[in-house]
Amino acid sequence: MRAAEQSGNLWLSGGRVSTLGNGHIHETYLLKGDDRGRSPLVLQRINDQVFPSPKTLMRQTMEVLEHLKSHNEVRVPYLIESRSGNFLEELDSGYWRAWEFIGYSRTLDPLENIEQVRNGAKAFGLFHSALAEMKQANIREIIPGYQQLGFYLERFDRVRRGAPSELLRVIEANNWITQRFSEKNWLIHGDCKTDNLLFKSSGDQVQAILDLDTVMLGHWAWDFGDYVRSLWLGKQTIDIEFFRLSIEGFLSGGLSPDHDPEDFSDAPMYISFMLGIRFLTDHLQGDKYFRINYEGENLLRAEAHFKLFERCLQSRELLISAAADLLKDY
């Protein structure tokens, strides 16, 4: 916490920090200064193990922010200059940045009702639509192999000897899904989950979309699948109504209705399998990527995602049918 306080003083004099959120990658704090009339900031230490070039990351993030300025329907927090006029400060403790703190807002995990589910999906759909106008040549792959299942399976193969046998059986029986969504066809958010949405403090409207670090070229289904996965994770059943509302939301945000119903049904299954592989690999490698609160947490995360994958697989025909029925009306 001392490192956060020292870096916070570069933005706000007499900065006081407290832990904010429960992200797996960066360290994030709420920063308040001596001046009570000054709004607080969101202070962040960039994880340079995940993002080995923080300066490149910041340049790209600022390009995305600049592009989104002309899209009023998509609100994102903006970066704040330090008192020295820098958006990124490099200290012995690491690389630090600060974001606007959006007041009168809240994160919700899980979402509480169908309006929140629909509005969250529409917000990410509008984000997709806004990115469609951005030059893809300006966007680089900040994390090599990101969201690409084949890439993660190659890494997993190096450490698979230590994996629990029951998880190995699931992985070996379902390698077919590696062939799904391998084409990069869209600029995506890349971390399209419910807790990257800020809702108004009262009501069900989305206030802003958070976390632009993983905006890059990928497959549109990665974002759709991640959103639905985050709605279902930890639940005992597959919520078909949440699935339909998610499709409606993304379509109303600008996603084309011409996609195959199987793409919608398989997207959360793909993401669940992919994240299961990633969490399991990180556990076997000593928890070098995802931050943990206790030993074994990444293994539990992997098990939860493989359980969700299996529930998706068992419900696949039902999901295809639901998507097909909905797409008929578009």
C-alpha atoms as a PDB file:
ATOM      1  CA  MET A   1       0.000   0.000   0.000  1.00  0.00           C
ATOM      2  CA  ARG A   2       2.945   2.340   0.627  1.00  0.00           C
ATOM      3  CA  ALA A   3       3.971   2.151  -3.039  1.00  0.00           C
ATOM      4  CA  ALA A   4       0.426   3.115  -4.051  1.00  0.00           C
ATOM      5  CA  GLU A   5       0.451   6.086  -1.669  1.00  0.00           C
ATOM      6  CA  GLN A   6       3.814   7.255  -2.999  1.00  0.00           C
ATOM      7  CA  SER A   7       2.662   7.043  -6.593  1.00  0.00           C
ATOM      8  CA  GLY A   8      -0.705   8.595  -5.736  1.00  0.00           C
ATOM      9  CA  ASN A   9       1.073  11.744  -4.582  1.00  0.00           C
ATOM     10  CA  LEU A  10       2.209  12.229  -8.161  1.00  0.00           C
ATOM     11  CA  TRP A  11      -1.446  12.921  -9.012  1.00  0.00           C
ATOM     12  CA  LEU A  12      -3.012  14.258  -5.799  1.00  0.00           C
ATOM     13  CA  SER A  13      -1.123  15.915  -2.966  1.00  0.00           C
ATOM     14  CA  GLY A  14      -1.440  13.974   0.273  1.00  0.00           C
ATOM     15  CA  GLY A  15      -2.941  11.083  -1.628  1.00  0.00           C
ATOM     16  CA  ARG A  16      -4.681   8.379   0.417  1.00  0.00           C
ATOM     17  CA  VAL A  17      -5.472   5.062  -1.199  1.00  0.00           C
ATOM     18  CA  SER A  18      -7.803   2.150  -0.585  1.00  0.00           C
ATOM     19  CA  THR A  19      -8.177  -1.067  -2.554  1.00  0.00           C
ATOM     20  CA  LEU A  20     -10.780  -0.871  -5.326  1.00  0.00           C
ATOM     21  CA  GLY A  21     -12.402  -3.740  -7.224  1.00  0.00           C
ATOM     22  CA  ASN A  22     -11.347  -7.365  -7.587  1.00  0.00           C
ATOM     23  CA  GLY A  23      -9.512  -7.460 -10.909  1.00  0.00           C
ATOM     24  CA  HIS A  24      -7.301 -10.437 -11.765  1.00  0.00           C
ATOM     25  CA  ILE A  25      -4.523  -8.438 -13.492  1.00  0.00           C
ATOM     26  CA  HIS A  26      -3.730  -4.873 -12.375  1.00  0.00           C
ATOM     27  CA  GLU A  27      -3.623  -3.465  -8.841  1.00  0.00           C
ATOM     28  CA  THR A  28      -6.368  -0.836  -8.575  1.00  0.00           C
ATOM     29  CA  TYR A  29      -6.965   1.748  -5.844  1.00  0.00           C
ATOM     30  CA  LEU A  30      -9.286   4.620  -5.049  1.00  0.00           C
ATOM     31  CA  LEU A  31      -7.125   7.728  -4.637  1.00  0.00           C
ATOM     32  CA  LYS A  32      -8.252  10.729  -2.556  1.00  0.00           C
ATOM     33  CA  GLY A  33      -6.202  13.888  -1.980  1.00  0.00           C
ATOM     34  CA  ASP A  34      -6.016  16.655   0.635  1.00  0.00           C
ATOM     35  CA  ASP A  35      -8.271  18.971  -1.379  1.00  0.00           C
ATOM     36  CA  ARG A  36     -11.792  17.909  -0.429  1.00  0.00           C
ATOM     37  CA  GLY A  37     -13.197  19.736  -3.429  1.00  0.00           C
ATOM     38  CA  ARG A  38     -11.185  17.568  -5.798  1.00  0.00           C
ATOM     39  CA  SER A  39     -12.803  14.430  -7.175  1.00  0.00           C
ATOM     40  CA  PRO A  40     -11.068  11.164  -6.330  1.00  0.00           C
ATOM     41  CA  LEU A  41      -9.200   9.209  -8.996  1.00  0.00           C
ATOM     42  CA  VAL A  42      -8.736   5.553  -9.829  1.00  0.00           C
ATOM     43  CA  LEU A  43      -5.038   4.725  -9.426  1.00  0.00           C
ATOM     44  CA  GLN A  44      -3.623   1.666 -11.150  1.00  0.00           C
ATOM     45  CA  ARG A  45      -0.316  -0.167 -11.184  1.00  0.00           C
ATOM     46  CA  ILE A  46       0.034  -1.865 -14.568  1.00  0.00           C
ATOM     47  CA  ASN A  47       0.908  -5.549 -14.385  1.00  0.00           C
ATOM     48  CA  ASP A  48       4.076  -5.593 -16.487  1.00  0.00           C
ATOM     49  CA  GLN A  49       4.243  -9.390 -16.356  1.00  0.00           C
ATOM     50  CA  VAL A  50       1.022  -9.526 -18.391  1.00  0.00           C
ATOM     51  CA  PHE A  51       1.727  -6.330 -20.354  1.00  0.00           C
ATOM     52  CA  PRO A  52       5.516  -6.375 -20.847  1.00  0.00           C
ATOM     53  CA  SER A  53       5.496  -3.011 -22.645  1.00  0.00           C
ATOM     54  CA  PRO A  54       3.389  -0.595 -20.551  1.00  0.00           C
ATOM     55  CA  LYS A  55       4.374   2.336 -22.766  1.00  0.00           C
ATOM     56  CA  THR A  56       3.061   0.584 -25.875  1.00  0.00           C
ATOM     57  CA  LEU A  57      -0.071  -0.366 -23.971  1.00  0.00           C
ATOM     58  CA  MET A  58      -0.654   3.255 -22.975  1.00  0.00           C
ATOM     59  CA  ARG A  59      -0.126   4.564 -26.500  1.00  0.00           C
ATOM     60  CA  GLN A  60      -2.718   2.148 -27.832  1.00  0.00           C
ATOM     61  CA  THR A  61      -5.177   2.825 -25.012  1.00  0.00           C
ATOM     62  CA  MET A  62      -4.938   6.548 -25.702  1.00  0.00           C
ATOM     63  CA  GLU A  63      -5.584   5.951 -29.405  1.00  0.00           C
ATOM     64  CA  VAL A  64      -8.752   4.047 -28.512  1.00  0.00           C
ATOM     65  CA  LEU A  65      -9.852   6.798 -26.116  1.00  0.00           C
ATOM     66  CA  GLU A  66      -9.274   9.439 -28.768  1.00  0.00           C
ATOM     67  CA  HIS A  67     -11.357   7.484 -31.272  1.00  0.00           C
ATOM     68  CA  LEU A  68     -14.229   7.016 -28.810  1.00  0.00           C
ATOM     69  CA  LYS A  69     -14.465  10.768 -28.135  1.00  0.00           C
ATOM     70  CA  SER A  70     -16.615  11.096 -31.257  1.00  0.00           C
ATOM     71  CA  HIS A  71     -19.040   8.379 -30.118  1.00  0.00           C
ATOM     72  CA  ASN A  72     -21.258   9.921 -27.481  1.00  0.00           C
ATOM     73  CA  GLU A  73     -23.293   6.749 -27.024  1.00  0.00           C
ATOM     74  CA  VAL A  74     -20.241   4.982 -25.590  1.00  0.00           C
ATOM     75  CA  ARG A  75     -18.856   6.449 -22.377  1.00  0.00           C
ATOM     76  CA  VAL A  76     -15.527   5.339 -20.998  1.00  0.00           C
ATOM     77  CA  PRO A  77     -13.406   6.889 -18.230  1.00  0.00           C
ATOM     78  CA  TYR A  78     -10.565   9.084 -19.424  1.00  0.00           C
ATOM     79  CA  LEU A  79      -6.937   9.101 -18.312  1.00  0.00           C
ATOM     80  CA  ILE A  80      -5.711  11.829 -15.963  1.00  0.00           C
ATOM     81  CA  GLU A  81      -2.339  13.563 -16.231  1.00  0.00           C
ATOM     82  CA  SER A  82      -0.068  13.522 -13.209  1.00  0.00           C
ATOM     83  CA  ARG A  83       1.019  16.805 -11.643  1.00  0.00           C
ATOM     84  CA  SER A  84       4.108  16.518 -13.868  1.00  0.00           C
ATOM     85  CA  GLY A  85       1.935  16.330 -16.981  1.00  0.00           C
ATOM     86  CA  ASN A  86       2.428  12.606 -17.626  1.00  0.00           C
ATOM     87  CA  PHE A  87      -0.227   9.983 -18.241  1.00  0.00           C
ATOM     88  CA  LEU A  88       2.203   7.213 -17.228  1.00  0.00           C
ATOM     89  CA  GLU A  89       4.661   7.434 -14.350  1.00  0.00           C
ATOM     90  CA  GLU A  90       7.550   4.986 -14.011  1.00  0.00           C
ATOM     91  CA  LEU A  91       8.778   4.368 -10.456  1.00  0.00           C
ATOM     92  CA  ASP A  92      10.868   1.698  -8.756  1.00  0.00           C
ATOM     93  CA  SER A  93       7.559   0.112  -7.736  1.00  0.00           C
ATOM     94  CA  GLY A  94       6.393  -0.142 -11.347  1.00  0.00           C
ATOM     95  CA  TYR A  95       4.318   1.726 -13.906  1.00  0.00           C
ATOM     96  CA  TRP A  96       1.391   3.790 -12.639  1.00  0.00           C
ATOM     97  CA  ARG A  97      -1.525   5.632 -14.232  1.00  0.00           C
ATOM     98  CA  ALA A  98      -4.723   7.305 -13.043  1.00  0.00           C
ATOM     99  CA  TRP A  99      -8.241   7.286 -14.426  1.00  0.00           C
ATOM    100  CA  GLU A 100     -11.273   9.482 -13.997  1.00  0.00           C
ATOM    101  CA  PHE A 101     -13.479   8.300 -11.152  1.00  0.00           C
ATOM    102  CA  ILE A 102     -17.069   8.164 -12.376  1.00  0.00           C
ATOM    103  CA  GLY A 103     -19.305   9.050  -9.471  1.00  0.00           C
ATOM    104  CA  TYR A 104     -22.852   7.939  -8.724  1.00  0.00           C
ATOM    105  CA  SER A 105     -22.099   4.578 -10.275  1.00  0.00           C
ATOM    106  CA  ARG A 106     -21.689   0.955  -9.214  1.00  0.00           C
ATOM    107  CA  THR A 107     -20.407  -2.340 -10.520  1.00  0.00           C
ATOM    108  CA  LEU A 108     -22.742  -5.319 -10.292  1.00  0.00           C
ATOM    109  CA  ASP A 109     -21.617  -8.914 -10.179  1.00  0.00           C
ATOM    110  CA  PRO A 110     -23.880 -10.714 -10.650  1.00  0.00           C
ATOM    111  CA  LEU A 111     -26.385  -8.580 -12.535  1.00  0.00           C
ATOM    112  CA  GLU A 112     -29.695  -8.362 -10.725  1.00  0.00           C
ATOM    113  CA  ASN A 113     -32.445  -8.264 -13.367  1.00  0.00           C
ATOM    114  CA  ILE A 114     -33.247  -8.641 -17.043  1.00  0.00           C
ATOM    115  CA  GLU A 115     -33.004  -4.912 -17.805  1.00  0.00           C
ATOM    116  CA  GLN A 116     -29.432  -4.838 -16.576  1.00  0.00           C
ATOM    117  CA  VAL A 117     -28.622  -7.891 -18.706  1.00  0.00           C
ATOM    118  CA  ARG A 118     -30.146  -6.326 -21.815  1.00  0.00           C
ATOM    119  CA  ASN A 119     -28.587  -2.907 -21.213  1.00  0.00           C
ATOM    120  CA  GLY A 120     -25.168  -4.393 -20.535  1.00  0.00           C
ATOM    121  CA  ALA A 121     -25.273  -6.363 -23.781  1.00  0.00           C
ATOM    122  CA  LYS A 122     -26.394  -3.300 -25.724  1.00  0.00           C
ATOM    123  CA  ALA A 123     -23.568  -1.220 -24.231  1.00  0.00           C
ATOM    124  CA  PHE A 124     -20.973  -3.732 -25.397  1.00  0.00           C
ATOM    125  CA  GLY A 125     -22.740  -3.951 -28.778  1.00  0.00           C
ATOM    126  CA  LEU A 126     -22.486  -0.174 -29.175  1.00  0.00           C
ATOM    127  CA  PHE A 127     -18.821  -0.410 -28.201  1.00  0.00           C
ATOM    128  CA  HIS A 128     -18.331  -2.942 -31.018  1.00  0.00           C
ATOM    129  CA  SER A 129     -20.094  -0.644 -33.450  1.00  0.00           C
ATOM    130  CA  ALA A 130     -17.888   2.304 -32.465  1.00  0.00           C
ATOM    131  CA  LEU A 131     -14.705   0.260 -32.885  1.00  0.00           C
ATOM    132  CA  ALA A 132     -15.813  -0.841 -36.368  1.00  0.00           C
ATOM    133  CA  GLU A 133     -14.939   2.639 -37.631  1.00  0.00           C
ATOM    134  CA  MET A 134     -11.417   2.536 -36.241  1.00  0.00           C
ATOM    135  CA  LYS A 135      -8.528   1.652 -38.506  1.00  0.00           C
ATOM    136  CA  GLN A 136      -7.455  -1.872 -37.645  1.00  0.00           C
ATOM    137  CA  ALA A 137      -3.906  -1.107 -38.724  1.00  0.00           C
ATOM    138  CA  ASN A 138      -3.588   1.203 -35.710  1.00  0.00           C
ATOM    139  CA  ILE A 139      -4.259  -1.619 -33.251  1.00  0.00           C
ATOM    140  CA  ARG A 140      -1.525  -4.036 -32.238  1.00  0.00           C
ATOM    141  CA  GLU A 141      -1.691  -7.383 -30.445  1.00  0.00           C
ATOM    142  CA  ILE A 142      -0.678  -6.232 -26.983  1.00  0.00           C
ATOM    143  CA  ILE A 143      -0.804  -9.762 -25.525  1.00  0.00           C
ATOM    144  CA  PRO A 144       0.444 -12.417 -28.006  1.00  0.00           C
ATOM    145  CA  GLY A 145      -2.094 -15.175 -28.644  1.00  0.00           C
ATOM    146  CA  TYR A 146      -4.752 -13.479 -26.543  1.00  0.00           C
ATOM    147  CA  GLN A 147      -8.111 -15.360 -26.492  1.00  0.00           C
ATOM    148  CA  GLN A 148      -6.801 -17.878 -29.051  1.00  0.00           C
ATOM    149  CA  LEU A 149      -7.514 -21.347 -27.725  1.00  0.00           C
ATOM    150  CA  GLY A 150      -4.922 -23.107 -29.867  1.00  0.00           C
ATOM    151  CA  PHE A 151      -2.215 -20.832 -28.472  1.00  0.00           C
ATOM    152  CA  TYR A 152      -3.221 -21.593 -24.871  1.00  0.00           C
ATOM    153  CA  LEU A 153      -3.447 -25.339 -25.493  1.00  0.00           C
ATOM    154  CA  GLU A 154       0.164 -25.336 -26.724  1.00  0.00           C
ATOM    155  CA  ARG A 155       1.237 -23.720 -23.456  1.00  0.00           C
ATOM    156  CA  PHE A 156      -0.897 -26.097 -21.432  1.00  0.00           C
ATOM    157  CA  ASP A 157       0.724 -29.097 -23.120  1.00  0.00           C
ATOM    158  CA  ARG A 158       4.054 -28.145 -21.541  1.00  0.00           C
ATOM    159  CA  VAL A 159       2.678 -28.539 -18.013  1.00  0.00           C
ATOM    160  CA  ARG A 160      -0.238 -30.948 -18.467  1.00  0.00           C
ATOM    161  CA  ARG A 161       1.431 -33.731 -16.449  1.00  0.00           C
ATOM    162  CA  GLY A 162       0.441 -31.956 -13.253  1.00  0.00           C
ATOM    163  CA  ALA A 163      -3.226 -31.439 -14.200  1.00  0.00           C
ATOM    164  CA  PRO A 164      -6.006 -33.269 -12.304  1.00  0.00           C
ATOM    165  CA  SER A 165      -7.149 -36.357 -14.228  1.00  0.00           C
ATOM    166  CA  GLU A 166     -10.818 -35.312 -14.278  1.00  0.00           C
ATOM    167  CA  LEU A 167      -9.950 -32.027 -15.982  1.00  0.00           C
ATOM    168  CA  LEU A 168      -7.643 -33.774 -18.440  1.00  0.00           C
ATOM    169  CA  ARG A 169     -10.543 -35.987 -19.506  1.00  0.00           C
ATOM    170  CA  VAL A 170     -12.701 -32.940 -20.263  1.00  0.00           C
ATOM    171  CA  ILE A 171      -9.912 -31.264 -22.220  1.00  0.00           C
ATOM    172  CA  GLU A 172      -8.973 -34.325 -24.278  1.00  0.00           C
ATOM    173  CA  ALA A 173     -12.598 -35.088 -25.159  1.00  0.00           C
ATOM    174  CA  ASN A 174     -13.337 -31.600 -26.437  1.00  0.00           C
ATOM    175  CA  ASN A 175     -10.389 -30.398 -28.475  1.00  0.00           C
ATOM    176  CA  TRP A 176     -12.831 -29.953 -31.385  1.00  0.00           C
ATOM    177  CA  ILE A 177     -13.744 -26.551 -30.042  1.00  0.00           C
ATOM    178  CA  THR A 178     -10.221 -25.343 -30.871  1.00  0.00           C
ATOM    179  CA  GLN A 179     -11.410 -24.976 -34.483  1.00  0.00           C
ATOM    180  CA  ARG A 180     -14.178 -22.533 -33.525  1.00  0.00           C
ATOM    181  CA  PHE A 181     -13.709 -18.763 -33.842  1.00  0.00           C
ATOM    182  CA  SER A 182     -10.094 -18.881 -34.961  1.00  0.00           C
ATOM    183  CA  GLU A 183     -10.596 -16.138 -37.569  1.00  0.00           C
ATOM    184  CA  LYS A 184      -9.899 -12.583 -36.472  1.00  0.00           C
ATOM    185  CA  ASN A 185     -12.682 -10.502 -37.972  1.00  0.00           C
ATOM    186  CA  TRP A 186     -13.485  -7.633 -35.593  1.00  0.00           C
ATOM    187  CA  LEU A 187     -11.995  -5.114 -33.195  1.00  0.00           C
ATOM    188  CA  ILE A 188     -13.146  -6.329 -29.804  1.00  0.00           C
ATOM    189  CA  HIS A 189     -13.168  -5.174 -26.203  1.00  0.00           C
ATOM    190  CA  GLY A 190     -11.350  -8.367 -25.195  1.00  0.00           C
ATOM    191  CA  ASP A 191     -12.543  -8.530 -21.573  1.00  0.00           C
ATOM    192  CA  CYS A 192     -16.268  -8.293 -22.092  1.00  0.00           C
ATOM    193  CA  LYS A 193     -17.585  -9.330 -18.682  1.00  0.00           C
ATOM    194  CA  THR A 194     -20.254  -7.894 -16.436  1.00  0.00           C
ATOM    195  CA  ASP A 195     -17.893  -6.351 -13.897  1.00  0.00           C
ATOM    196  CA  ASN A 196     -16.374  -4.187 -16.629  1.00  0.00           C
ATOM    197  CA  LEU A 197     -19.681  -2.318 -16.777  1.00  0.00           C
ATOM    198  CA  LEU A 198     -20.457   0.660 -14.576  1.00  0.00           C
ATOM    199  CA  PHE A 199     -24.166   1.060 -13.885  1.00  0.00           C
ATOM    200  CA  LYS A 200     -25.831   4.175 -12.536  1.00  0.00           C
ATOM    201  CA  SER A 201     -26.078   4.140  -8.762  1.00  0.00           C
ATOM    202  CA  SER A 202     -29.848   3.949  -9.091  1.00  0.00           C
ATOM    203  CA  GLY A 203     -31.629   2.348 -12.001  1.00  0.00           C
ATOM    204  CA  ASP A 204     -30.505  -0.190 -14.566  1.00  0.00           C
ATOM    205  CA  GLN A 205     -28.733   2.002 -17.146  1.00  0.00           C
ATOM    206  CA  VAL A 206     -25.071   1.515 -18.019  1.00  0.00           C
ATOM    207  CA  GLN A 207     -22.973   4.519 -17.074  1.00  0.00           C
ATOM    208  CA  ALA A 208     -19.672   3.487 -18.687  1.00  0.00           C
ATOM    209  CA  ILE A 209     -17.525   0.635 -19.998  1.00  0.00           C
ATOM    210  CA  LEU A 210     -14.255  -0.066 -18.204  1.00  0.00           C
ATOM    211  CA  ASP A 211     -10.898  -1.628 -19.101  1.00  0.00           C
ATOM    212  CA  LEU A 212      -9.677  -0.829 -22.612  1.00  0.00           C
ATOM    213  CA  ASP A 213      -6.314  -2.590 -22.311  1.00  0.00           C
ATOM    214  CA  THR A 214      -7.318  -5.618 -24.371  1.00  0.00           C
ATOM    215  CA  VAL A 215      -8.934  -3.817 -27.310  1.00  0.00           C
ATOM    216  CA  MET A 216      -7.496  -5.660 -30.287  1.00  0.00           C
ATOM    217  CA  LEU A 217      -8.345  -7.609 -33.406  1.00  0.00           C
ATOM    218  CA  GLY A 218     -10.227 -10.793 -32.609  1.00  0.00           C
ATOM    219  CA  HIS A 219     -13.501 -12.614 -33.284  1.00  0.00           C
ATOM    220  CA  TRP A 220     -16.790 -10.901 -32.415  1.00  0.00           C
ATOM    221  CA  ALA A 221     -17.981 -14.106 -30.711  1.00  0.00           C
ATOM    222  CA  TRP A 222     -15.208 -13.839 -28.106  1.00  0.00           C
ATOM    223  CA  ASP A 223     -16.869 -10.747 -26.640  1.00  0.00           C
ATOM    224  CA  PHE A 224     -20.411 -12.093 -26.893  1.00  0.00           C
ATOM    225  CA  GLY A 225     -19.329 -15.388 -25.361  1.00  0.00           C
ATOM    226  CA  ASP A 226     -17.453 -13.695 -22.533  1.00  0.00           C
ATOM    227  CA  TYR A 227     -20.466 -11.584 -21.641  1.00  0.00           C
ATOM    228  CA  VAL A 228     -22.805 -14.588 -21.478  1.00  0.00           C
ATOM    229  CA  ARG A 229     -20.178 -16.643 -19.610  1.00  0.00           C
ATOM    230  CA  SER A 230     -19.931 -13.949 -16.961  1.00  0.00           C
ATOM    231  CA  LEU A 231     -23.719 -14.052 -16.545  1.00  0.00           C
ATOM    232  CA  TRP A 232     -23.760 -17.837 -16.087  1.00  0.00           C
ATOM    233  CA  LEU A 233     -20.573 -18.474 -14.101  1.00  0.00           C
ATOM    234  CA  GLY A 234     -21.299 -19.878 -10.658  1.00  0.00           C
ATOM    235  CA  LYS A 235     -24.917 -20.694 -11.432  1.00  0.00           C
ATOM    236  CA  GLN A 236     -26.236 -24.248 -11.411  1.00  0.00           C
ATOM    237  CA  THR A 237     -28.254 -23.931 -14.623  1.00  0.00           C
ATOM    238  CA  ILE A 238     -28.009 -22.259 -18.016  1.00  0.00           C
ATOM    239  CA  ASP A 239     -30.350 -19.247 -18.093  1.00  0.00           C
ATOM    240  CA  ILE A 240     -31.891 -19.250 -21.571  1.00  0.00           C
ATOM    241  CA  GLU A 241     -33.615 -15.898 -20.991  1.00  0.00           C
ATOM    242  CA  PHE A 242     -30.289 -14.220 -20.204  1.00  0.00           C
ATOM    243  CA  PHE A 243     -28.927 -15.791 -23.398  1.00  0.00           C
ATOM    244  CA  ARG A 244     -31.770 -14.347 -25.504  1.00  0.00           C
ATOM    245  CA  LEU A 245     -31.459 -10.929 -23.879  1.00  0.00           C
ATOM    246  CA  SER A 246     -27.721 -10.919 -24.579  1.00  0.00           C
ATOM    247  CA  ILE A 247     -28.308 -11.625 -28.272  1.00  0.00           C
ATOM    248  CA  GLU A 248     -30.955  -8.898 -28.441  1.00  0.00           C
ATOM    249  CA  GLY A 249     -28.648  -6.433 -26.732  1.00  0.00           C
ATOM    250  CA  PHE A 250     -25.675  -7.072 -29.013  1.00  0.00           C
ATOM    251  CA  LEU A 251     -27.914  -6.896 -32.091  1.00  0.00           C
ATOM    252  CA  SER A 252     -29.463  -3.611 -30.973  1.00  0.00           C
ATOM    253  CA  GLY A 253     -25.950  -2.288 -30.455  1.00  0.00           C
ATOM    254  CA  GLY A 254     -25.050  -2.978 -34.061  1.00  0.00           C
ATOM    255  CA  LEU A 255     -24.000  -6.634 -34.369  1.00  0.00           C
ATOM    256  CA  SER A 256     -25.192  -8.160 -37.666  1.00  0.00           C
ATOM    257  CA  PRO A 257     -28.066 -10.672 -37.348  1.00  0.00           C
ATOM    258  CA  ASP A 258     -26.645 -12.710 -40.249  1.00  0.00           C
ATOM    259  CA  HIS A 259     -24.463 -14.915 -38.056  1.00  0.00           C
ATOM    260  CA  ASP A 260     -25.183 -18.603 -37.665  1.00  0.00           C
ATOM    261  CA  PRO A 261     -27.204 -19.542 -34.541  1.00  0.00           C
ATOM    262  CA  GLU A 262     -24.439 -22.034 -33.709  1.00  0.00           C
ATOM    263  CA  ASP A 263     -21.997 -19.140 -33.353  1.00  0.00           C
ATOM    264  CA  PHE A 264     -24.122 -17.659 -30.595  1.00  0.00           C
ATOM    265  CA  SER A 265     -24.565 -21.018 -28.859  1.00  0.00           C
ATOM    266  CA  ASP A 266     -20.891 -21.987 -29.035  1.00  0.00           C
ATOM    267  CA  ALA A 267     -19.402 -18.626 -28.052  1.00  0.00           C
ATOM    268  CA  PRO A 268     -19.856 -18.907 -24.235  1.00  0.00           C
ATOM    269  CA  MET A 269     -18.770 -22.550 -24.467  1.00  0.00           C
ATOM    270  CA  TYR A 270     -15.558 -21.561 -26.274  1.00  0.00           C
ATOM    271  CA  ILE A 271     -14.731 -18.814 -23.775  1.00  0.00           C
ATOM    272  CA  SER A 272     -15.430 -21.070 -20.785  1.00  0.00           C
ATOM    273  CA  PHE A 273     -13.122 -23.782 -22.168  1.00  0.00           C
ATOM    274  CA  MET A 274     -10.439 -21.247 -23.069  1.00  0.00           C
ATOM    275  CA  LEU A 275     -10.483 -19.619 -19.624  1.00  0.00           C
ATOM    276  CA  GLY A 276     -10.457 -23.033 -17.967  1.00  0.00           C
ATOM    277  CA  ILE A 277      -7.249 -23.815 -19.875  1.00  0.00           C
ATOM    278  CA  ARG A 278      -5.724 -20.458 -18.935  1.00  0.00           C
ATOM    279  CA  PHE A 279      -6.508 -20.692 -15.214  1.00  0.00           C
ATOM    280  CA  LEU A 280      -5.330 -24.304 -15.052  1.00  0.00           C
ATOM    281  CA  THR A 281      -2.084 -23.521 -16.882  1.00  0.00           C
ATOM    282  CA  ASP A 282      -1.385 -20.572 -14.609  1.00  0.00           C
ATOM    283  CA  HIS A 283      -2.016 -22.741 -11.545  1.00  0.00           C
ATOM    284  CA  LEU A 284       0.428 -25.355 -12.816  1.00  0.00           C
ATOM    285  CA  GLN A 285       3.031 -22.677 -13.612  1.00  0.00           C
ATOM    286  CA  GLY A 286       2.884 -21.123 -10.154  1.00  0.00           C
ATOM    287  CA  ASP A 287       0.241 -18.387 -10.559  1.00  0.00           C
ATOM    288  CA  LYS A 288       2.346 -16.001 -12.612  1.00  0.00           C
ATOM    289  CA  TYR A 289      -0.447 -14.386 -14.645  1.00  0.00           C
ATOM    290  CA  PHE A 290      -3.696 -14.061 -12.691  1.00  0.00           C
ATOM    291  CA  ARG A 291      -3.570 -12.495  -9.250  1.00  0.00           C
ATOM    292  CA  ILE A 292      -4.720 -14.808  -6.469  1.00  0.00           C
ATOM    293  CA  ASN A 293      -5.862 -14.335  -2.872  1.00  0.00           C
ATOM    294  CA  TYR A 294      -4.825 -17.809  -1.740  1.00  0.00           C
ATOM    295  CA  GLU A 295      -2.971 -20.856  -3.050  1.00  0.00           C
ATOM    296  CA  GLY A 296      -5.151 -23.000  -5.287  1.00  0.00           C
ATOM    297  CA  GLU A 297      -7.541 -20.218  -6.308  1.00  0.00           C
ATOM    298  CA  ASN A 298      -6.642 -20.505  -9.990  1.00  0.00           C
ATOM    299  CA  LEU A 299      -7.363 -24.249  -9.868  1.00  0.00           C
ATOM    300  CA  LEU A 300     -10.815 -23.518  -8.435  1.00  0.00           C
ATOM    301  CA  ARG A 301     -11.370 -20.935 -11.172  1.00  0.00           C
ATOM    302  CA  ALA A 302     -10.403 -23.524 -13.791  1.00  0.00           C
ATOM    303  CA  GLU A 303     -12.771 -26.129 -12.326  1.00  0.00           C
ATOM    304  CA  ALA A 304     -15.647 -23.634 -12.303  1.00  0.00           C
ATOM    305  CA  HIS A 305     -15.093 -22.803 -15.971  1.00  0.00           C
ATOM    306  CA  PHE A 306     -14.895 -26.431 -17.078  1.00  0.00           C
ATOM    307  CA  LYS A 307     -18.128 -27.130 -15.188  1.00  0.00           C
ATOM    308  CA  LEU A 308     -19.746 -24.241 -17.030  1.00  0.00           C
ATOM    309  CA  PHE A 309     -18.358 -25.557 -20.311  1.00  0.00           C
ATOM    310  CA  GLU A 310     -19.984 -28.923 -19.692  1.00  0.00           C
ATOM    311  CA  ARG A 311     -23.327 -27.301 -18.855  1.00  0.00           C
ATOM    312  CA  CYS A 312     -23.102 -25.296 -22.092  1.00  0.00           C
ATOM    313  CA  LEU A 313     -22.303 -28.444 -24.044  1.00  0.00           C
ATOM    314  CA  GLN A 314     -25.276 -30.286 -22.554  1.00  0.00           C
ATOM    315  CA  SER A 315     -27.548 -27.343 -23.463  1.00  0.00           C
ATOM    316  CA  ARG A 316     -26.094 -26.765 -26.941  1.00  0.00           C
ATOM    317  CA  GLU A 317     -29.119 -27.851 -28.989  1.00  0.00           C
ATOM    318  CA  LEU A 318     -31.432 -25.797 -26.787  1.00  0.00           C
ATOM    319  CA  LEU A 319     -29.196 -22.742 -27.215  1.00  0.00           C
ATOM    320  CA  ILE A 320     -29.016 -23.178 -30.990  1.00  0.00           C
ATOM    321  CA  SER A 321     -32.802 -23.392 -31.141  1.00  0.00           C
ATOM    322  CA  ALA A 322     -33.250 -20.298 -28.966  1.00  0.00           C
ATOM    323  CA  ALA A 323     -30.820 -18.288 -31.125  1.00  0.00           C
ATOM    324  CA  ALA A 324     -32.451 -19.449 -34.352  1.00  0.00           C
ATOM    325  CA  ASP A 325     -35.934 -18.493 -33.151  1.00  0.00           C
ATOM    326  CA  LEU A 326     -34.765 -15.041 -32.108  1.00  0.00           C
ATOM    327  CA  LEU A 327     -32.815 -14.352 -35.302  1.00  0.00           C
ATOM    328  CA  LYS A 328     -35.906 -15.026 -37.416  1.00  0.00           C
ATOM    329  CA  ASP A 329     -37.301 -11.690 -36.290  1.00  0.00           C
ATOM    330  CA  TYR A 330     -34.280  -9.699 -37.521  1.00  0.00           C
END
